[in-house]
Amino acid sequence: MKRVLIVSPSFPPVVAADLHRVRMSLPHFASFGWSPHVLAIGPSAHGGLVEPALLATIPAGADVTSTGALPERITRFFGVGNPGLRAIGHLYAAGTRILKREAVDLVYFSTTMFPVMTLGRLWKARHDVPYVIDLQDPWKTDYDGAGLEPGFKARGARRMHAVLEPFAMKSVDGVVAVSPAYVETLRERYPWLPAGNCSVIPFGASERDFEIARAQEWTNPFFVPQPSCINAVSVGRGGRDLTHAADLLFTAVRMIQDRGVPVRPLKFWFVGTDYASREQTIAPLADLAGVRSVVTESPQRLPYLQALRLLQDASLTVMLGSDDGAYSPSKVYPYLLSGKPFIAVMHESSPVNSTLEAAGTGVVATFRPGDEVVMAAARLADRLSRFLMTLPERALVPPSLLESFSAREMTRRQCLVFDQVLGRQVTEAIPCAS
């Protein structure tokens, strides 16, 4: 059994979007010959939203080391609140102790706290242990669309990332990414990256998560599920980069209303869109399109298992895509696993489009930023009208497709990368496409 040190600064009971890859993989690593040891920031030091029920998804006896961090009340004076920056020294020290004490074969970074990934190069120089980086979002980004964060602090972060990414990539042994575009960009920037050690592995989904969610006591605070109304639910971030997709959807909804299409009352719920600043970014777009009366936006984050319960209460789910064609939304896979029909409005280059089409359980509309909205919305309105009039209560995705993005399958693909990095015999090719 090989030993992998997994650096995931966010980890249950903390709930954050970038911890789910590791959390869902933990029960399956041993099946593929790897024994994991997770290095994380302790919940009190992390400071993020805590969901104690999420601990039920972690295998009993999981090997987890939690560290401290510099107090946020002090670092805020210097404009630093990010847990990864506050804890980077603690993570380095704890990781060094683990590497001295244990026979670690590989270090795996799975986080969007990018500066932490530089520890891989430092540990490799000191302990001669290879490392793999999992890019769930782009690090040094060339994106200049509507979602680009404004302000001095955001510009400073981008300049920092532009320096730290090359430092970390100089010695990296393998890369996992959720989007083919991320791998292509990295290999253009850093041609020394071994092509065989770079793999596109999308986010997975776990049926066990839904089982645990159903066992939780919870009352839906947003709506009472009832067959007389269509409750369309989206749980997850909003943002300016979703503007084109939201405009397209809401314009189509207004057209359906204007046509008097005989569908059940339709209500959209956008939950957890901006839990940091509590700014509404979706409802104002509905207002502009003239459909504000059927759209409710609640920016505050919903705990993960409660979010799954909300999906199960929905009549259908809603996915809005970024104007960044390389962006791969993590919500796609649990949405499909929820067994609910869906509406998806995605960039024409989104890596999830083929999966959504293969599911066959919803309406997929694509766009190109800058295109005329009205004509595309009219086409969507035609399809959506028919879909809503015959909306099924359940929408079952083909079992073979569900298996292709199961937590076990995503873990298997990660372990293929680990084996390849160590030069172990790999009996099948590492998948380089989602």
Protein backbone atom coordinates (compact mmCIF):
# COMPACT_ATOMS: atom_id res chain seq x y z
CA MET A 1 0.00 0.00 0.00
CA LYS A 2 1.45 3.34 -1.07
CA ARG A 3 1.13 6.40 1.18
CA VAL A 4 -0.21 9.74 -0.09
CA LEU A 5 -0.19 12.95 1.92
CA ILE A 6 -3.23 14.95 0.79
CA VAL A 7 -3.11 18.67 1.46
CA SER A 8 -6.68 19.95 1.66
CA PRO A 9 -6.73 23.07 3.88
CA SER A 10 -10.54 22.99 4.01
CA PHE A 11 -11.90 19.75 5.43
CA PRO A 12 -15.03 18.69 7.35
CA PRO A 13 -16.60 19.84 9.57
CA VAL A 14 -15.68 22.98 7.58
CA VAL A 15 -17.76 23.14 4.41
CA ALA A 16 -16.23 24.71 1.30
CA ALA A 17 -16.51 23.98 -2.40
CA ASP A 18 -12.89 22.84 -2.81
CA LEU A 19 -12.91 20.05 -0.21
CA HIS A 20 -15.41 17.71 -1.85
CA ARG A 21 -12.96 16.03 -4.23
CA VAL A 22 -10.91 14.75 -1.29
CA ARG A 23 -13.88 14.12 0.99
CA MET A 24 -15.65 11.89 -1.54
CA SER A 25 -12.45 10.07 -2.51
CA LEU A 26 -11.34 9.07 0.98
CA PRO A 27 -13.49 5.91 1.20
CA HIS A 28 -12.05 4.59 -2.08
CA PHE A 29 -8.29 5.25 -2.06
CA ALA A 30 -7.45 1.92 -0.40
CA SER A 31 -9.28 0.03 -3.16
CA PHE A 32 -6.67 1.30 -5.60
CA GLY A 33 -3.61 0.72 -3.45
CA TRP A 34 -3.23 4.07 -1.69
CA SER A 35 -3.37 4.94 2.00
CA PRO A 36 -4.30 8.62 2.53
CA HIS A 37 -3.19 11.01 5.26
CA VAL A 38 -5.04 14.35 5.08
CA LEU A 39 -3.40 17.60 6.17
CA ALA A 40 -5.96 20.34 6.85
CA ILE A 41 -6.57 23.50 8.84
CA GLY A 42 -8.53 22.96 12.04
CA PRO A 43 -12.10 24.31 11.91
CA SER A 44 -11.62 26.98 14.58
CA ALA A 45 -8.44 28.26 12.89
CA HIS A 46 -10.00 28.05 9.43
CA GLY A 47 -12.94 30.28 10.30
CA GLY A 48 -15.25 28.99 7.56
CA LEU A 49 -18.81 27.74 7.79
CA VAL A 50 -18.97 24.55 9.88
CA GLU A 51 -21.38 21.69 9.16
CA PRO A 52 -20.89 18.98 11.81
CA ALA A 53 -23.20 16.56 9.95
CA LEU A 54 -20.67 16.45 7.11
CA LEU A 55 -18.38 14.40 9.36
CA ALA A 56 -20.71 11.46 8.75
CA THR A 57 -19.36 11.27 5.20
CA ILE A 58 -15.76 10.73 6.40
CA PRO A 59 -14.65 7.09 6.93
CA ALA A 60 -14.19 6.07 10.55
CA GLY A 61 -10.52 6.12 11.51
CA ALA A 62 -9.48 8.43 8.65
CA ASP A 63 -5.95 9.72 9.18
CA VAL A 64 -6.32 13.51 9.45
CA THR A 65 -3.87 16.06 10.85
CA SER A 66 -5.32 19.50 11.61
CA THR A 67 -3.17 22.60 12.05
CA GLY A 68 -3.63 26.06 13.45
CA ALA A 69 -3.34 29.39 11.63
CA LEU A 70 -2.47 32.98 12.39
CA PRO A 71 -5.52 34.63 14.00
CA GLU A 72 -7.67 36.45 11.48
CA ARG A 73 -8.21 39.33 13.91
CA ILE A 74 -4.48 40.07 13.50
CA THR A 75 -3.94 39.32 9.81
CA ARG A 76 -6.94 41.46 8.83
CA PHE A 77 -4.84 44.52 9.68
CA PHE A 78 -2.64 43.52 6.73
CA GLY A 79 -5.57 42.74 4.45
CA VAL A 80 -5.15 38.95 4.78
CA GLY A 81 -8.14 36.79 5.61
CA ASN A 82 -7.57 33.75 3.39
CA PRO A 83 -7.12 30.65 5.61
CA GLY A 84 -4.46 29.23 3.32
CA LEU A 85 -2.26 32.29 3.64
CA ARG A 86 -2.82 32.49 7.39
CA ALA A 87 -1.96 28.81 7.85
CA ILE A 88 0.78 28.28 5.27
CA GLY A 89 3.54 28.24 7.92
CA HIS A 90 1.57 25.83 10.11
CA LEU A 91 0.87 23.56 7.14
CA TYR A 92 4.54 23.54 6.15
CA ALA A 93 5.65 22.63 9.68
CA ALA A 94 3.03 19.91 10.12
CA GLY A 95 3.71 18.48 6.67
CA THR A 96 7.43 18.41 7.37
CA ARG A 97 6.85 16.44 10.56
CA ILE A 98 4.68 13.93 8.70
CA LEU A 99 7.26 13.51 5.93
CA LYS A 100 9.99 12.89 8.51
CA ARG A 101 7.87 10.43 10.47
CA GLU A 102 6.13 8.47 7.71
CA ALA A 103 7.20 6.84 4.46
CA VAL A 104 5.15 9.14 2.22
CA ASP A 105 5.35 8.22 -1.47
CA LEU A 106 3.57 11.25 -2.92
CA VAL A 107 2.03 14.59 -1.89
CA TYR A 108 -1.29 15.60 -3.46
CA PHE A 109 -2.63 19.18 -3.30
CA SER A 110 -6.37 19.52 -3.83
CA THR A 111 -7.49 23.05 -2.99
CA THR A 112 -8.25 26.46 -4.44
CA MET A 113 -5.97 28.07 -1.84
CA PHE A 114 -3.26 28.25 -4.47
CA PRO A 115 -0.32 29.62 -2.43
CA VAL A 116 -0.37 26.43 -0.36
CA MET A 117 0.64 24.46 -3.47
CA THR A 118 4.10 26.05 -3.39
CA LEU A 119 4.84 23.80 -0.40
CA GLY A 120 5.16 20.91 -2.83
CA ARG A 121 8.33 22.31 -4.32
CA LEU A 122 9.77 23.08 -0.87
CA TRP A 123 9.05 19.58 0.46
CA LYS A 124 10.37 17.96 -2.71
CA ALA A 125 13.67 19.83 -2.39
CA ARG A 126 14.00 18.82 1.25
CA HIS A 127 12.52 15.29 1.28
CA ASP A 128 12.69 14.19 -2.38
CA VAL A 129 8.98 13.36 -2.50
CA PRO A 130 7.05 13.92 -5.75
CA TYR A 131 3.88 16.02 -5.76
CA VAL A 132 0.71 16.33 -7.84
CA ILE A 133 -1.44 19.46 -8.09
CA ASP A 134 -5.22 19.37 -8.59
CA LEU A 135 -6.49 22.54 -10.30
CA GLN A 136 -10.18 22.95 -9.54
CA ASP A 137 -10.01 26.55 -10.81
CA PRO A 138 -7.37 28.30 -12.93
CA TRP A 139 -4.47 29.64 -10.88
CA LYS A 140 -2.63 32.20 -12.99
CA THR A 141 -5.52 33.27 -15.18
CA ASP A 142 -5.76 35.04 -18.52
CA TYR A 143 -9.53 35.42 -18.08
CA ASP A 144 -10.73 38.99 -18.63
CA GLY A 145 -14.50 38.53 -18.75
CA ALA A 146 -17.29 40.04 -16.68
CA GLY A 147 -16.47 37.87 -13.68
CA LEU A 148 -13.00 39.35 -13.18
CA GLU A 149 -12.84 40.66 -9.62
CA PRO A 150 -12.21 44.42 -9.47
CA GLY A 151 -10.23 46.32 -6.87
CA PHE A 152 -6.71 46.67 -5.52
CA LYS A 153 -6.83 43.49 -3.44
CA ALA A 154 -7.99 41.34 -6.35
CA ARG A 155 -5.32 42.78 -8.64
CA GLY A 156 -2.71 42.08 -5.98
CA ALA A 157 -3.89 38.47 -5.70
CA ARG A 158 -3.62 38.01 -9.47
CA ARG A 159 -0.07 39.38 -9.46
CA MET A 160 0.82 37.03 -6.62
CA HIS A 161 -0.63 34.05 -8.50
CA ALA A 162 1.34 35.01 -11.60
CA VAL A 163 4.53 34.62 -9.55
CA LEU A 164 3.61 31.57 -7.47
CA GLU A 165 2.22 29.36 -10.25
CA PRO A 166 5.55 29.16 -12.17
CA PHE A 167 7.37 28.52 -8.88
CA ALA A 168 5.13 25.54 -8.04
CA MET A 169 5.04 24.19 -11.60
CA LYS A 170 8.82 24.21 -11.94
CA SER A 171 9.11 20.90 -10.07
CA VAL A 172 5.60 19.44 -10.20
CA ASP A 173 5.37 15.78 -11.16
CA GLY A 174 1.73 15.60 -12.21
CA VAL A 175 -1.37 17.72 -12.73
CA VAL A 176 -5.05 16.93 -12.32
CA ALA A 177 -7.55 19.48 -13.64
CA VAL A 178 -11.32 19.69 -14.01
CA SER A 179 -11.13 21.24 -17.49
CA PRO A 180 -9.13 20.27 -20.60
CA ALA A 181 -8.40 23.96 -21.17
CA TYR A 182 -6.53 24.17 -17.86
CA VAL A 183 -4.21 21.32 -18.85
CA GLU A 184 -3.66 22.75 -22.33
CA THR A 185 -2.78 26.16 -20.90
CA LEU A 186 -0.35 24.71 -18.36
CA ARG A 187 1.45 22.59 -20.94
CA GLU A 188 1.83 25.63 -23.19
CA ARG A 189 3.30 27.65 -20.32
CA TYR A 190 5.42 24.82 -18.90
CA PRO A 191 6.42 22.45 -21.72
CA TRP A 192 8.42 20.29 -19.32
CA LEU A 193 5.20 18.95 -17.76
CA PRO A 194 4.96 15.24 -18.68
CA ALA A 195 1.92 14.78 -20.93
CA GLY A 196 1.31 11.32 -19.49
CA ASN A 197 1.10 12.72 -15.96
CA CYS A 198 -1.55 15.34 -16.77
CA SER A 199 -5.15 14.21 -16.50
CA VAL A 200 -8.56 15.82 -16.85
CA ILE A 201 -10.76 14.54 -14.03
CA PRO A 202 -14.10 16.29 -13.50
CA PHE A 203 -15.78 16.61 -10.14
CA GLY A 204 -17.62 13.51 -9.02
CA ALA A 205 -20.75 12.86 -7.00
CA SER A 206 -21.59 10.46 -4.20
CA GLU A 207 -24.84 8.58 -3.73
CA ARG A 208 -23.80 8.11 -0.10
CA ASP A 209 -24.03 11.90 0.36
CA PHE A 210 -27.69 11.84 -0.65
CA GLU A 211 -28.37 8.93 1.71
CA ILE A 212 -26.82 10.83 4.62
CA ALA A 213 -28.66 14.02 3.63
CA ARG A 214 -32.01 12.22 3.65
CA ALA A 215 -31.32 11.00 7.18
CA GLN A 216 -30.88 14.56 8.51
CA GLU A 217 -33.75 16.40 10.18
CA TRP A 218 -34.46 19.44 8.04
CA THR A 219 -37.37 21.67 7.12
CA ASN A 220 -37.28 23.47 3.80
CA PRO A 221 -37.24 27.22 4.65
CA PHE A 222 -37.86 28.32 1.06
CA PHE A 223 -40.95 26.54 -0.22
CA VAL A 224 -43.35 23.67 0.43
CA PRO A 225 -42.98 21.07 -2.32
CA GLN A 226 -46.32 20.59 -4.03
CA PRO A 227 -47.37 19.31 -7.46
CA SER A 228 -49.39 22.44 -8.25
CA CYS A 229 -46.21 24.56 -8.56
CA ILE A 230 -42.89 24.11 -10.39
CA ASN A 231 -40.04 25.01 -8.05
CA ALA A 232 -36.81 25.44 -10.03
CA VAL A 233 -33.75 25.39 -7.76
CA SER A 234 -30.13 26.49 -8.14
CA VAL A 235 -27.76 26.12 -5.18
CA GLY A 236 -24.34 27.73 -5.53
CA ARG A 237 -22.54 30.87 -6.44
CA GLY A 238 -23.83 33.70 -8.58
CA GLY A 239 -21.54 36.34 -10.04
CA ARG A 240 -21.17 38.68 -12.98
CA ASP A 241 -19.74 35.93 -15.20
CA LEU A 242 -23.18 34.25 -15.13
CA THR A 243 -24.89 37.35 -16.53
CA HIS A 244 -25.22 36.12 -20.11
CA ALA A 245 -26.66 32.76 -19.06
CA ALA A 246 -29.11 34.36 -16.62
CA ASP A 247 -30.20 36.95 -19.18
CA LEU A 248 -30.86 34.21 -21.72
CA LEU A 249 -32.91 32.12 -19.28
CA PHE A 250 -34.95 35.00 -17.88
CA THR A 251 -35.69 36.43 -21.33
CA ALA A 252 -36.98 32.99 -22.37
CA VAL A 253 -39.16 32.82 -19.23
CA ARG A 254 -40.63 36.24 -20.01
CA MET A 255 -41.44 35.07 -23.54
CA ILE A 256 -43.22 32.01 -22.13
CA GLN A 257 -45.26 34.28 -19.87
CA ASP A 258 -46.09 36.67 -22.72
CA ARG A 259 -47.24 33.77 -24.90
CA GLY A 260 -49.60 32.54 -22.19
CA VAL A 261 -48.19 29.02 -22.33
CA PRO A 262 -50.37 26.82 -20.08
CA VAL A 263 -47.74 25.64 -17.60
CA ARG A 264 -48.04 25.30 -13.84
CA PRO A 265 -46.93 28.35 -11.82
CA LEU A 266 -43.14 28.56 -12.09
CA LYS A 267 -40.87 29.85 -9.34
CA PHE A 268 -37.05 30.09 -9.37
CA TRP A 269 -34.97 29.83 -6.20
CA PHE A 270 -31.28 30.84 -6.29
CA VAL A 271 -29.64 29.96 -2.97
CA GLY A 272 -26.11 30.57 -1.69
CA THR A 273 -25.15 32.95 -4.48
CA ASP A 274 -22.83 35.26 -2.53
CA TYR A 275 -22.40 34.20 1.07
CA ALA A 276 -19.41 36.51 1.62
CA SER A 277 -20.83 39.94 0.79
CA ARG A 278 -24.53 38.90 0.64
CA GLU A 279 -24.81 40.83 -2.62
CA GLN A 280 -27.58 39.79 -4.99
CA THR A 281 -26.28 39.17 -8.50
CA ILE A 282 -29.12 37.10 -10.01
CA ALA A 283 -32.32 38.85 -8.89
CA PRO A 284 -31.35 42.20 -10.50
CA LEU A 285 -31.04 40.40 -13.84
CA ALA A 286 -34.50 38.92 -13.40
CA ASP A 287 -35.75 42.44 -12.69
CA LEU A 288 -34.24 43.72 -15.94
CA ALA A 289 -35.88 40.88 -17.86
CA GLY A 290 -39.26 41.59 -16.27
CA VAL A 291 -39.58 38.32 -14.35
CA ARG A 292 -38.56 39.43 -10.86
CA SER A 293 -41.89 38.25 -9.43
CA VAL A 294 -40.95 34.60 -10.07
CA VAL A 295 -37.32 34.79 -8.88
CA THR A 296 -36.10 34.67 -5.28
CA GLU A 297 -32.39 35.00 -4.49
CA SER A 298 -30.95 34.12 -1.06
CA PRO A 299 -27.20 34.90 -1.09
CA GLN A 300 -26.44 33.20 2.25
CA ARG A 301 -24.68 29.86 1.93
CA LEU A 302 -26.66 26.71 2.69
CA PRO A 303 -24.80 23.81 4.38
CA TYR A 304 -23.89 21.09 1.89
CA LEU A 305 -26.22 18.32 3.07
CA GLN A 306 -29.10 20.78 3.35
CA ALA A 307 -28.34 21.86 -0.22
CA LEU A 308 -28.76 18.25 -1.34
CA ARG A 309 -32.10 18.09 0.50
CA LEU A 310 -33.20 21.26 -1.28
CA LEU A 311 -32.34 19.68 -4.65
CA GLN A 312 -34.46 16.68 -3.74
CA ASP A 313 -37.40 18.97 -2.92
CA ALA A 314 -37.09 20.75 -6.28
CA SER A 315 -39.33 20.15 -9.26
CA LEU A 316 -36.31 20.76 -11.47
CA THR A 317 -32.78 22.10 -11.07
CA VAL A 318 -31.15 25.07 -12.78
CA MET A 319 -27.53 25.40 -13.91
CA LEU A 320 -26.18 28.70 -15.20
CA GLY A 321 -22.77 28.62 -16.89
CA SER A 322 -19.93 31.12 -16.82
CA ASP A 323 -18.89 33.29 -19.74
CA ASP A 324 -15.52 31.52 -19.34
CA GLY A 325 -15.75 28.56 -21.71
CA ALA A 326 -13.16 26.58 -19.73
CA TYR A 327 -15.12 26.74 -16.48
CA SER A 328 -16.40 23.38 -15.20
CA PRO A 329 -19.17 23.85 -12.60
CA SER A 330 -18.94 21.31 -9.79
CA LYS A 331 -22.70 21.34 -9.23
CA VAL A 332 -23.44 19.46 -12.46
CA TYR A 333 -22.76 15.99 -11.10
CA PRO A 334 -24.74 16.08 -7.84
CA TYR A 335 -27.55 17.76 -9.77
CA LEU A 336 -27.70 14.82 -12.16
CA LEU A 337 -27.45 12.36 -9.28
CA SER A 338 -30.43 14.05 -7.57
CA GLY A 339 -32.73 12.45 -10.14
CA LYS A 340 -34.44 15.71 -11.01
CA PRO A 341 -34.98 17.15 -14.50
CA PHE A 342 -32.85 20.19 -15.25
CA ILE A 343 -32.42 23.39 -17.22
CA ALA A 344 -28.81 24.20 -18.13
CA VAL A 345 -27.62 27.36 -19.89
CA MET A 346 -23.92 26.93 -20.68
CA HIS A 347 -21.12 28.45 -22.72
CA GLU A 348 -20.87 26.53 -25.98
CA SER A 349 -17.33 25.44 -25.03
CA SER A 350 -18.15 24.26 -21.52
CA PRO A 351 -16.58 20.87 -20.79
CA VAL A 352 -19.81 19.65 -19.13
CA ASN A 353 -22.07 20.04 -22.18
CA SER A 354 -21.48 16.52 -23.49
CA THR A 355 -22.33 15.03 -20.09
CA LEU A 356 -25.53 17.06 -19.82
CA GLU A 357 -26.62 16.04 -23.32
CA ALA A 358 -25.82 12.39 -22.60
CA ALA A 359 -27.94 12.51 -19.44
CA GLY A 360 -31.02 13.20 -21.55
CA THR A 361 -32.98 14.45 -18.55
CA GLY A 362 -33.19 18.17 -19.23
CA VAL A 363 -32.92 21.12 -21.57
CA VAL A 364 -29.42 22.27 -22.54
CA ALA A 365 -29.04 25.71 -24.13
CA THR A 366 -25.64 27.08 -25.14
CA PHE A 367 -24.42 30.59 -25.80
CA ARG A 368 -21.44 32.58 -26.99
CA PRO A 369 -20.69 35.80 -25.11
CA GLY A 370 -21.56 38.79 -27.27
CA ASP A 371 -24.26 36.98 -29.27
CA GLU A 372 -27.73 38.45 -29.62
CA VAL A 373 -29.86 37.23 -26.70
CA VAL A 374 -33.38 37.60 -28.13
CA MET A 375 -33.11 35.01 -30.91
CA ALA A 376 -31.41 32.47 -28.65
CA ALA A 377 -34.00 33.12 -25.95
CA ALA A 378 -36.84 32.52 -28.43
CA ARG A 379 -35.39 29.11 -29.29
CA LEU A 380 -34.99 28.30 -25.61
CA ALA A 381 -38.55 29.45 -24.88
CA ASP A 382 -39.90 27.00 -27.50
CA ARG A 383 -38.01 24.07 -25.99
CA LEU A 384 -38.67 25.09 -22.40
CA SER A 385 -42.41 25.46 -22.97
CA ARG A 386 -42.72 21.88 -24.19
CA PHE A 387 -40.44 20.64 -21.39
CA LEU A 388 -42.38 22.37 -18.61
CA MET A 389 -45.77 21.15 -19.86
CA THR A 390 -44.64 17.52 -19.64
CA LEU A 391 -42.22 17.81 -16.71
CA PRO A 392 -41.55 14.41 -15.13
CA GLU A 393 -41.37 14.00 -11.36
CA ARG A 394 -38.20 11.90 -11.66
CA ALA A 395 -35.48 11.97 -14.29
CA LEU A 396 -33.15 9.01 -14.16
CA VAL A 397 -29.72 9.32 -15.74
CA PRO A 398 -28.38 6.21 -17.52
CA PRO A 399 -26.51 4.03 -14.97
CA SER A 400 -23.39 3.90 -17.14
CA LEU A 401 -23.20 7.70 -17.12
CA LEU A 402 -23.74 7.85 -13.36
CA GLU A 403 -20.88 5.41 -12.89
CA SER A 404 -18.61 7.54 -15.09
CA PHE A 405 -18.72 10.40 -12.59
CA SER A 406 -19.12 8.40 -9.38
CA ALA A 407 -16.81 9.17 -6.47
CA ARG A 408 -15.21 5.74 -6.84
CA GLU A 409 -14.46 6.26 -10.54
CA MET A 410 -13.00 9.72 -9.94
CA THR A 411 -10.78 8.24 -7.20
CA ARG A 412 -9.61 5.49 -9.54
CA ARG A 413 -8.57 8.08 -12.08
CA GLN A 414 -6.67 10.09 -9.47
CA CYS A 415 -4.81 6.95 -8.40
CA LEU A 416 -3.86 6.25 -12.01
CA VAL A 417 -2.06 9.60 -12.01
CA PHE A 418 -0.35 8.79 -8.72
CA ASP A 419 0.84 5.44 -10.09
CA GLN A 420 2.08 7.04 -13.29
CA VAL A 421 4.08 9.65 -11.34
CA LEU A 422 5.78 6.91 -9.34
CA GLY A 423 6.60 5.03 -12.51
CA ARG A 424 4.44 2.10 -11.53
CA GLN A 425 3.03 -0.12 -14.24
CA VAL A 426 -0.30 1.31 -15.36
CA THR A 427 -2.53 -1.22 -17.07
CA GLU A 428 -4.69 1.39 -18.79
CA ALA A 429 -4.20 4.84 -20.20
CA ILE A 430 -4.76 7.82 -17.96
CA PRO A 431 -7.88 9.60 -19.27
CA CYS A 432 -6.96 12.98 -20.72
CA ALA A 433 -10.51 14.09 -21.44
CA SER A 434 -13.55 14.46 -19.28
